[in-house]
Amino acid sequence: MGFYDETVRGVAVPHWVPDDGGSANFGDEIGPLLVSALAPEGADGAGRLLSVGSVIHFGRRGDVVWGAGINGKVRQTLQHPLDVRAVRGPLTRAVLQGHGLEVPAVFGDPALLMPRLFDVPVGAHRELLVMPNLNELDRVAGEHVLSPLGDPVQIAAEIRGAGFVVASSLHALVIADAYGIPSRPLVPRAEHAFKYLDYYAGTGRADVRFAGSVDEALDLGPVPPADVDLDAIERAFPRELWEAPRTFDESSSGYAPARRAAVRALGELALAVGRDASDPAAQALLRAQQLIAEQPRALVDALERASDGSALPEVRSAALRYLRDTDPHGATDQRVARALRRRLEGEAPEASPDAIIARVIATGKVSLAREIVDGTADISEGVAHLGETSSPPEPARARRWFRR
């Protein structure tokens, strides 16, 4: 499988595509399909939109997120800023908040909008439909099994004709919910439980119970219907990508409040899952905490001190500690620089070494600041650099993302 950008009226919509040109996983095809249906006719947009699927870790600086989710199987190196309009569920929201991103409480997989946007016929009636995840196609066999490989509208029609859906394919479960077909999730073997609990918690069913087998799913019966605000998901669709430049803050000014919100959200979700949480649910909650905790501690401290009202000496100390304790990384280095630039706005320049190094960071010359800290450059080089810039650090302004 390869990850490619499909262009919808000028806007890139990335999704998974088979390398060999064979049949695609139907869930991976839903994103471009929905975007094509909702994008303004005749418009020529720009930018990149992450829609359906666990694809946020593929995000680039300035991308828009609409209904996508975190992949619980991979470590998250999230770009900043991301323009988040809606997410799959509260686990994704908590992880993004834990990385200091602002995320609205708009939950649900956009595939739930399919009945609004497409005239999907009802397929042949079958009492039971079983659909495995793409990565465990040989898990089940028999006349009830339907492959997830194929056209999304045709597969949605087959799901509409079913009396009961049992699946480890997340989008089989989502489409079943969209059309009111009773369903029950199978414990995933090839996937992490994160995305499943994320989706179910975002649709009012955090206490969902997974079945270990098709027989157990039949014994348990269906999960409750999805509780979701479809109007909110549709309103969150970023039509501005085809209409006007976007403006948003790049300075991480909300980093510390977002981190606090993540802690509260995970606590609330743990209560919603309940004391008798299934193993998959417990694993998903733990993974959310891990994905937040995997950020370098020095990076977290630097961004928190720059955004939580800490005194200037504490802000500088945290910034210098970031330089000492982390390896160079262009994206995170520049995120710290932008955060520090905003914090130093309006502050009178000071002549102490720490103050000089902090001001050098704020200009974006993080490599020079690192060299001064590790002794391979003299503080006089920092002073000279600041003299060349000849003015205080520019305020961290909201960036405008124009069409190209």
Protein backbone atom coordinates (compact mmCIF):
# COMPACT_ATOMS: atom_id res chain seq x y z
CA MET A 1 0.00 0.00 0.00
CA GLY A 2 1.15 3.52 -0.78
CA PHE A 3 -0.07 6.83 0.62
CA TYR A 4 -0.93 9.25 -2.18
CA ASP A 5 -2.59 12.63 -2.61
CA GLU A 6 -5.69 12.58 -4.80
CA THR A 7 -6.59 16.06 -6.04
CA VAL A 8 -10.21 17.20 -5.68
CA ARG A 9 -10.70 20.52 -7.47
CA GLY A 10 -7.24 21.68 -6.53
CA VAL A 11 -7.19 20.34 -2.94
CA ALA A 12 -5.04 17.30 -2.11
CA VAL A 13 -6.90 14.52 -0.28
CA PRO A 14 -4.37 11.85 0.78
CA HIS A 15 -5.40 8.23 1.16
CA TRP A 16 -4.04 4.69 0.91
CA VAL A 17 -3.80 3.16 -2.56
CA PRO A 18 -2.65 -0.37 -3.54
CA ASP A 19 0.87 -0.37 -5.00
CA ASP A 20 -0.04 -3.04 -7.53
CA GLY A 21 -3.09 -1.26 -8.90
CA GLY A 22 -5.46 -3.88 -7.47
CA SER A 23 -8.69 -3.36 -5.58
CA ALA A 24 -8.46 -0.78 -2.81
CA ASN A 25 -9.78 -1.09 0.72
CA PHE A 26 -13.23 0.48 0.48
CA GLY A 27 -12.78 2.53 3.65
CA ASP A 28 -9.69 4.21 2.23
CA GLU A 29 -11.67 5.31 -0.83
CA ILE A 30 -14.44 7.04 1.12
CA GLY A 31 -12.47 10.22 1.94
CA PRO A 32 -11.96 11.48 -1.64
CA LEU A 33 -15.52 10.40 -2.46
CA LEU A 34 -17.04 12.52 0.33
CA VAL A 35 -14.80 15.51 -0.40
CA SER A 36 -15.81 15.40 -4.07
CA ALA A 37 -19.47 15.49 -3.03
CA LEU A 38 -19.06 18.41 -0.63
CA ALA A 39 -16.49 20.61 -2.40
CA PRO A 40 -18.03 23.66 -4.14
CA GLU A 41 -18.73 23.03 -7.80
CA GLY A 42 -16.51 24.84 -10.26
CA ALA A 43 -14.11 26.05 -7.54
CA ASP A 44 -10.34 25.79 -7.73
CA GLY A 45 -8.90 25.38 -4.26
CA ALA A 46 -5.54 24.65 -2.70
CA GLY A 47 -4.09 23.01 0.39
CA ARG A 48 -4.33 19.52 1.83
CA LEU A 49 -7.26 17.88 3.61
CA LEU A 50 -7.00 14.83 5.89
CA SER A 51 -10.46 13.31 6.01
CA VAL A 52 -11.36 9.66 6.54
CA GLY A 53 -9.01 7.20 8.23
CA SER A 54 -6.15 6.98 10.73
CA VAL A 55 -3.97 9.34 8.74
CA ILE A 56 -3.19 12.36 10.93
CA HIS A 57 0.44 11.28 11.39
CA PHE A 58 0.87 11.96 7.66
CA GLY A 59 -0.16 15.59 8.17
CA ARG A 60 2.01 18.43 7.01
CA ARG A 61 2.28 21.95 8.37
CA GLY A 62 -0.93 23.84 7.59
CA ASP A 63 -3.03 20.78 6.67
CA VAL A 64 -6.72 20.70 7.54
CA VAL A 65 -8.16 17.79 9.54
CA TRP A 66 -11.82 16.90 9.03
CA GLY A 67 -12.92 13.70 10.73
CA ALA A 68 -9.61 11.86 10.50
CA GLY A 69 -8.09 9.98 13.43
CA ILE A 70 -4.86 9.04 15.13
CA ASN A 71 -3.23 5.73 14.22
CA GLY A 72 -2.67 3.88 17.48
CA LYS A 73 -0.01 1.65 15.92
CA VAL A 74 2.58 4.35 15.22
CA ARG A 75 4.44 6.96 17.21
CA GLN A 76 3.05 10.41 16.51
CA THR A 77 5.32 13.15 15.18
CA LEU A 78 2.66 15.76 14.60
CA GLN A 79 3.29 18.81 12.49
CA HIS A 80 2.30 22.22 13.79
CA PRO A 81 0.10 23.97 13.01
CA LEU A 82 -2.74 21.70 11.96
CA ASP A 83 -6.12 23.29 11.24
CA VAL A 84 -8.45 20.86 13.00
CA ARG A 85 -12.18 21.11 12.23
CA ALA A 86 -13.45 17.71 13.42
CA VAL A 87 -11.95 14.38 14.51
CA ARG A 88 -13.07 10.77 14.59
CA GLY A 89 -13.44 10.69 18.36
CA PRO A 90 -12.32 11.90 21.80
CA LEU A 91 -9.18 9.72 21.94
CA THR A 92 -7.86 11.45 18.83
CA ARG A 93 -8.85 14.80 20.30
CA ALA A 94 -7.03 14.07 23.56
CA VAL A 95 -3.82 13.01 21.79
CA LEU A 96 -3.84 16.13 19.62
CA GLN A 97 -4.52 18.31 22.66
CA GLY A 98 -1.71 16.53 24.46
CA HIS A 99 0.54 17.77 21.66
CA GLY A 100 -0.72 21.31 22.23
CA LEU A 101 -3.17 21.54 19.34
CA GLU A 102 -6.56 23.18 19.59
CA VAL A 103 -9.33 20.71 18.67
CA PRO A 104 -13.10 21.32 18.66
CA ALA A 105 -15.40 18.74 20.22
CA VAL A 106 -16.87 17.67 16.87
CA PHE A 107 -16.78 13.89 16.65
CA GLY A 108 -17.67 11.23 14.11
CA ASP A 109 -16.30 9.53 11.04
CA PRO A 110 -17.35 11.53 7.95
CA ALA A 111 -18.44 8.25 6.32
CA LEU A 112 -21.56 8.60 8.47
CA LEU A 113 -22.65 11.26 5.95
CA MET A 114 -22.93 8.77 3.07
CA PRO A 115 -26.74 8.47 3.26
CA ARG A 116 -27.00 12.25 2.92
CA LEU A 117 -24.69 12.49 -0.05
CA PHE A 118 -25.20 9.35 -2.13
CA ASP A 119 -28.13 7.30 -3.39
CA VAL A 120 -26.85 3.91 -2.31
CA PRO A 121 -29.13 1.02 -3.33
CA VAL A 122 -30.04 -1.82 -0.99
CA GLY A 123 -28.05 -4.92 -1.84
CA ALA A 124 -29.26 -8.49 -1.79
CA HIS A 125 -30.69 -9.43 1.60
CA ARG A 126 -28.55 -11.58 3.86
CA GLU A 127 -29.15 -12.28 7.53
CA LEU A 128 -25.47 -11.96 8.46
CA LEU A 129 -22.55 -10.10 6.89
CA VAL A 130 -19.04 -10.59 8.25
CA MET A 131 -16.24 -8.28 7.10
CA PRO A 132 -12.64 -8.66 8.25
CA ASN A 133 -10.12 -5.89 8.41
CA LEU A 134 -7.89 -5.43 5.37
CA ASN A 135 -4.92 -6.87 7.28
CA GLU A 136 -6.67 -10.05 8.42
CA LEU A 137 -8.56 -11.21 5.34
CA ASP A 138 -8.00 -14.88 6.18
CA ARG A 139 -9.40 -14.57 9.69
CA VAL A 140 -12.93 -15.66 8.75
CA ALA A 141 -14.36 -17.72 5.92
CA GLY A 142 -17.74 -18.80 4.64
CA GLU A 143 -20.74 -17.59 2.70
CA HIS A 144 -21.38 -14.71 5.10
CA VAL A 145 -17.97 -13.10 4.55
CA LEU A 146 -17.60 -10.01 2.35
CA SER A 147 -14.15 -8.65 1.47
CA PRO A 148 -13.43 -4.99 2.26
CA LEU A 149 -11.69 -4.69 -1.11
CA GLY A 150 -13.80 -2.97 -3.72
CA ASP A 151 -15.95 0.00 -4.64
CA PRO A 152 -17.22 1.86 -1.55
CA VAL A 153 -20.72 2.45 -2.92
CA GLN A 154 -21.16 -1.19 -3.92
CA ILE A 155 -19.91 -2.40 -0.54
CA ALA A 156 -22.17 0.10 1.25
CA ALA A 157 -25.08 -1.37 -0.73
CA GLU A 158 -24.18 -4.88 0.48
CA ILE A 159 -24.06 -3.63 4.06
CA ARG A 160 -27.47 -1.97 3.62
CA GLY A 161 -28.91 -5.35 2.65
CA ALA A 162 -27.61 -7.11 5.76
CA GLY A 163 -29.64 -7.96 8.83
CA PHE A 164 -26.62 -7.94 11.14
CA VAL A 165 -22.98 -6.90 10.55
CA VAL A 166 -20.05 -8.39 12.45
CA ALA A 167 -16.71 -6.85 11.54
CA SER A 168 -13.15 -5.99 12.38
CA SER A 169 -13.26 -3.59 9.43
CA LEU A 170 -13.94 -0.28 11.13
CA HIS A 171 -15.66 1.22 8.11
CA ALA A 172 -18.00 -1.74 7.78
CA LEU A 173 -19.15 -0.82 11.29
CA VAL A 174 -19.34 2.89 10.45
CA ILE A 175 -21.41 2.27 7.32
CA ALA A 176 -23.68 -0.08 9.27
CA ASP A 177 -24.27 2.73 11.77
CA ALA A 178 -24.86 5.22 8.96
CA TYR A 179 -27.73 3.11 7.56
CA GLY A 180 -29.10 1.86 10.86
CA ILE A 181 -27.96 -1.75 10.38
CA PRO A 182 -27.38 -3.63 13.66
CA SER A 183 -23.72 -4.47 14.22
CA ARG A 184 -21.08 -5.70 16.66
CA PRO A 185 -17.28 -5.20 16.45
CA LEU A 186 -14.88 -8.13 16.49
CA VAL A 187 -11.75 -7.83 18.63
CA PRO A 188 -9.14 -6.67 16.11
CA ARG A 189 -6.07 -8.88 15.70
CA ALA A 190 -4.06 -6.96 13.11
CA GLU A 191 -5.09 -3.46 14.22
CA HIS A 192 -4.77 -1.61 17.51
CA ALA A 193 -8.02 -1.11 19.39
CA PHE A 194 -7.39 2.65 19.55
CA LYS A 195 -9.31 3.59 16.41
CA TYR A 196 -12.32 1.45 17.35
CA LEU A 197 -12.74 2.88 20.84
CA ASP A 198 -12.09 6.34 19.43
CA TYR A 199 -14.99 5.94 17.00
CA TYR A 200 -17.37 4.33 19.49
CA ALA A 201 -16.61 6.86 22.22
CA GLY A 202 -17.20 9.67 19.72
CA THR A 203 -20.64 8.27 18.96
CA GLY A 204 -21.77 7.84 22.56
CA ARG A 205 -20.70 4.22 23.16
CA ALA A 206 -17.45 4.34 25.11
CA ASP A 207 -18.47 1.20 27.00
CA VAL A 208 -18.67 -0.86 23.80
CA ARG A 209 -17.98 -4.57 24.19
CA PHE A 210 -15.98 -6.34 21.48
CA ALA A 211 -16.79 -9.90 20.46
CA GLY A 212 -14.01 -12.45 20.29
CA SER A 213 -15.71 -14.43 17.54
CA VAL A 214 -18.67 -14.30 15.16
CA ASP A 215 -20.57 -16.70 17.42
CA GLU A 216 -19.99 -14.45 20.43
CA ALA A 217 -21.13 -11.43 18.40
CA LEU A 218 -24.37 -13.23 17.60
CA ASP A 219 -24.83 -14.03 21.29
CA LEU A 220 -24.14 -10.44 22.36
CA GLY A 221 -26.36 -8.91 19.71
CA PRO A 222 -25.96 -5.38 18.34
CA VAL A 223 -24.35 -2.37 19.97
CA PRO A 224 -26.62 0.63 20.65
CA PRO A 225 -27.25 3.03 17.74
CA ALA A 226 -24.74 5.81 17.13
CA ASP A 227 -25.41 9.08 18.93
CA VAL A 228 -23.88 11.62 16.56
CA ASP A 229 -24.52 15.15 15.31
CA LEU A 230 -24.34 14.77 11.54
CA ASP A 231 -25.13 18.46 11.03
CA ALA A 232 -22.05 19.39 13.07
CA ILE A 233 -19.81 17.11 10.99
CA GLU A 234 -21.14 18.56 7.75
CA ARG A 235 -20.86 22.16 9.00
CA ALA A 236 -17.23 21.48 9.93
CA PHE A 237 -16.33 20.65 6.33
CA PRO A 238 -13.65 23.23 5.34
CA ARG A 239 -15.24 24.88 2.30
CA GLU A 240 -12.78 27.77 2.71
CA LEU A 241 -10.16 25.60 1.04
CA TRP A 242 -12.00 26.36 -2.19
CA GLU A 243 -13.15 29.88 -1.31
CA ALA A 244 -10.68 32.05 0.62
CA PRO A 245 -7.27 32.13 2.32
CA ARG A 246 -7.20 30.76 5.87
CA THR A 247 -5.68 32.51 8.86
CA PHE A 248 -4.62 30.84 12.09
CA ASP A 249 -2.11 31.08 14.90
CA GLU A 250 1.27 29.36 14.60
CA SER A 251 2.74 30.45 17.91
CA SER A 252 1.58 27.54 20.16
CA SER A 253 -0.06 30.11 22.43
CA GLY A 254 -2.64 27.51 23.49
CA TYR A 255 -0.16 24.71 24.20
CA ALA A 256 -0.42 24.63 28.00
CA PRO A 257 -4.25 24.92 28.13
CA ALA A 258 -4.58 22.19 25.50
CA ARG A 259 -2.35 19.86 27.53
CA ARG A 260 -4.52 20.41 30.60
CA ALA A 261 -7.64 19.73 28.54
CA ALA A 262 -6.15 16.42 27.37
CA VAL A 263 -5.67 15.23 30.96
CA ARG A 264 -9.28 16.09 31.80
CA ALA A 265 -10.60 14.44 28.64
CA LEU A 266 -8.79 11.17 29.24
CA GLY A 267 -10.07 11.08 32.82
CA GLU A 268 -13.64 11.62 31.64
CA LEU A 269 -13.25 8.96 28.98
CA ALA A 270 -11.89 6.46 31.52
CA LEU A 271 -15.03 7.01 33.59
CA ALA A 272 -17.24 6.58 30.52
CA VAL A 273 -15.52 3.30 29.61
CA GLY A 274 -16.20 2.07 33.13
CA ARG A 275 -14.44 -0.03 35.76
CA ASP A 276 -15.15 -3.23 33.86
CA ALA A 277 -13.50 -2.02 30.67
CA SER A 278 -12.69 -4.69 28.11
CA ASP A 279 -9.05 -5.37 27.32
CA PRO A 280 -9.28 -3.57 23.94
CA ALA A 281 -10.75 -0.46 25.58
CA ALA A 282 -8.11 -0.45 28.32
CA GLN A 283 -5.38 -0.85 25.70
CA ALA A 284 -6.77 2.07 23.71
CA LEU A 285 -6.82 4.36 26.75
CA LEU A 286 -3.28 3.37 27.65
CA ARG A 287 -2.08 3.98 24.11
CA ALA A 288 -3.55 7.48 24.11
CA GLN A 289 -1.53 8.28 27.23
CA GLN A 290 1.60 6.77 25.68
CA LEU A 291 1.24 8.78 22.48
CA ILE A 292 1.12 11.97 24.55
CA ALA A 293 3.94 10.96 26.89
CA GLU A 294 6.31 10.10 24.03
CA GLN A 295 6.98 13.78 23.34
CA PRO A 296 10.44 14.85 24.53
CA ARG A 297 10.10 16.24 28.04
CA ALA A 298 12.32 19.22 27.21
CA LEU A 299 10.08 20.15 24.26
CA VAL A 300 6.98 19.96 26.42
CA ASP A 301 8.58 22.13 29.10
CA ALA A 302 9.75 24.75 26.60
CA LEU A 303 6.34 25.08 24.97
CA GLU A 304 4.46 25.01 28.27
CA ARG A 305 6.64 27.70 29.86
CA ALA A 306 6.21 29.87 26.76
CA SER A 307 2.42 29.61 26.94
CA ASP A 308 1.43 29.33 30.60
CA GLY A 309 2.39 32.78 31.90
CA SER A 310 5.67 31.67 33.46
CA ALA A 311 8.20 34.35 34.39
CA LEU A 312 10.74 35.19 31.70
CA PRO A 313 13.73 33.53 33.46
CA GLU A 314 11.78 30.24 33.59
CA VAL A 315 10.87 30.58 29.92
CA ARG A 316 14.52 31.12 28.96
CA SER A 317 15.75 28.25 31.14
CA ALA A 318 13.25 25.86 29.55
CA ALA A 319 14.26 26.99 26.06
CA LEU A 320 17.96 26.42 26.79
CA ARG A 321 17.18 23.03 28.35
CA TYR A 322 15.41 22.13 25.12
CA LEU A 323 18.60 22.90 23.18
CA ARG A 324 20.75 20.82 25.56
CA ASP A 325 18.48 17.80 25.85
CA THR A 326 17.21 17.29 22.30
CA ASP A 327 18.77 16.64 18.94
CA PRO A 328 18.24 19.16 16.12
CA HIS A 329 14.83 18.74 14.46
CA GLY A 330 13.71 21.35 11.99
CA ALA A 331 9.96 21.26 12.63
CA THR A 332 10.08 21.21 16.44
CA ASP A 333 12.98 23.67 16.56
CA GLN A 334 10.94 26.16 14.59
CA ARG A 335 7.87 25.53 16.71
CA VAL A 336 9.87 26.47 19.81
CA ALA A 337 11.24 29.50 17.97
CA ARG A 338 7.74 30.73 17.08
CA ALA A 339 6.50 30.16 20.63
CA LEU A 340 9.45 32.05 22.08
CA ARG A 341 9.05 34.88 19.57
CA ARG A 342 5.48 35.41 20.73
CA ARG A 343 6.51 35.28 24.40
CA LEU A 344 9.32 37.82 23.95
CA GLU A 345 7.14 40.26 22.07
CA GLY A 346 7.26 43.61 23.86
CA GLU A 347 9.94 42.53 26.32
CA ALA A 348 12.98 44.81 26.71
CA PRO A 349 16.19 43.12 25.47
CA GLU A 350 18.56 41.99 28.22
CA ALA A 351 22.31 41.40 28.00
CA SER A 352 22.65 38.17 29.99
CA PRO A 353 23.86 35.10 28.05
CA ASP A 354 20.55 33.26 28.59
CA ALA A 355 18.61 36.28 27.33
CA ILE A 356 20.82 36.57 24.24
CA ILE A 357 20.48 32.87 23.41
CA ALA A 358 16.70 33.02 23.88
CA ARG A 359 16.49 35.98 21.50
CA VAL A 360 18.62 34.10 18.95
CA ILE A 361 16.19 31.16 19.16
CA ALA A 362 13.28 33.55 18.65
CA THR A 363 14.76 34.80 15.39
CA GLY A 364 14.61 31.24 14.06
CA LYS A 365 18.37 30.71 14.14
CA VAL A 366 18.08 27.69 16.43
CA SER A 367 21.22 26.04 15.03
CA LEU A 368 23.35 29.00 16.14
CA ALA A 369 21.73 29.00 19.58
CA ARG A 370 22.57 25.29 19.91
CA GLU A 371 26.18 25.92 18.98
CA ILE A 372 26.46 28.62 21.64
CA VAL A 373 24.95 26.31 24.25
CA ASP A 374 27.27 23.41 23.43
CA GLY A 375 30.35 25.67 23.25
CA THR A 376 31.12 25.40 19.53
CA ALA A 377 30.14 29.06 19.02
CA ASP A 378 30.80 32.10 21.19
CA ILE A 379 28.11 34.28 22.69
CA SER A 380 29.57 37.13 20.65
CA GLU A 381 28.28 35.38 17.52
CA GLY A 382 24.80 35.53 18.96
CA VAL A 383 25.22 39.23 19.70
CA ALA A 384 26.43 39.78 16.15
CA HIS A 385 23.47 37.88 14.75
CA LEU A 386 21.05 39.96 16.79
CA GLY A 387 22.81 43.10 15.58
CA GLU A 388 22.34 41.96 12.01
CA THR A 389 18.62 41.49 12.58
CA SER A 390 18.71 45.08 13.96
CA SER A 391 15.26 44.92 15.53
CA PRO A 392 13.43 43.04 18.29
CA PRO A 393 11.86 39.70 17.40
CA GLU A 394 8.81 40.13 15.21
CA PRO A 395 5.49 39.22 16.84
CA ALA A 396 4.27 35.71 16.03
CA ARG A 397 1.42 36.61 13.73
CA ALA A 398 -1.36 34.47 12.40
CA ARG A 399 -0.19 32.99 9.14
CA ARG A 400 -2.25 33.20 5.98
CA TRP A 401 -2.33 30.15 3.77
CA PHE A 402 -2.96 31.32 0.24
CA ARG A 403 -4.02 29.44 -2.80
CA ARG A 404 -1.20 28.77 -5.23
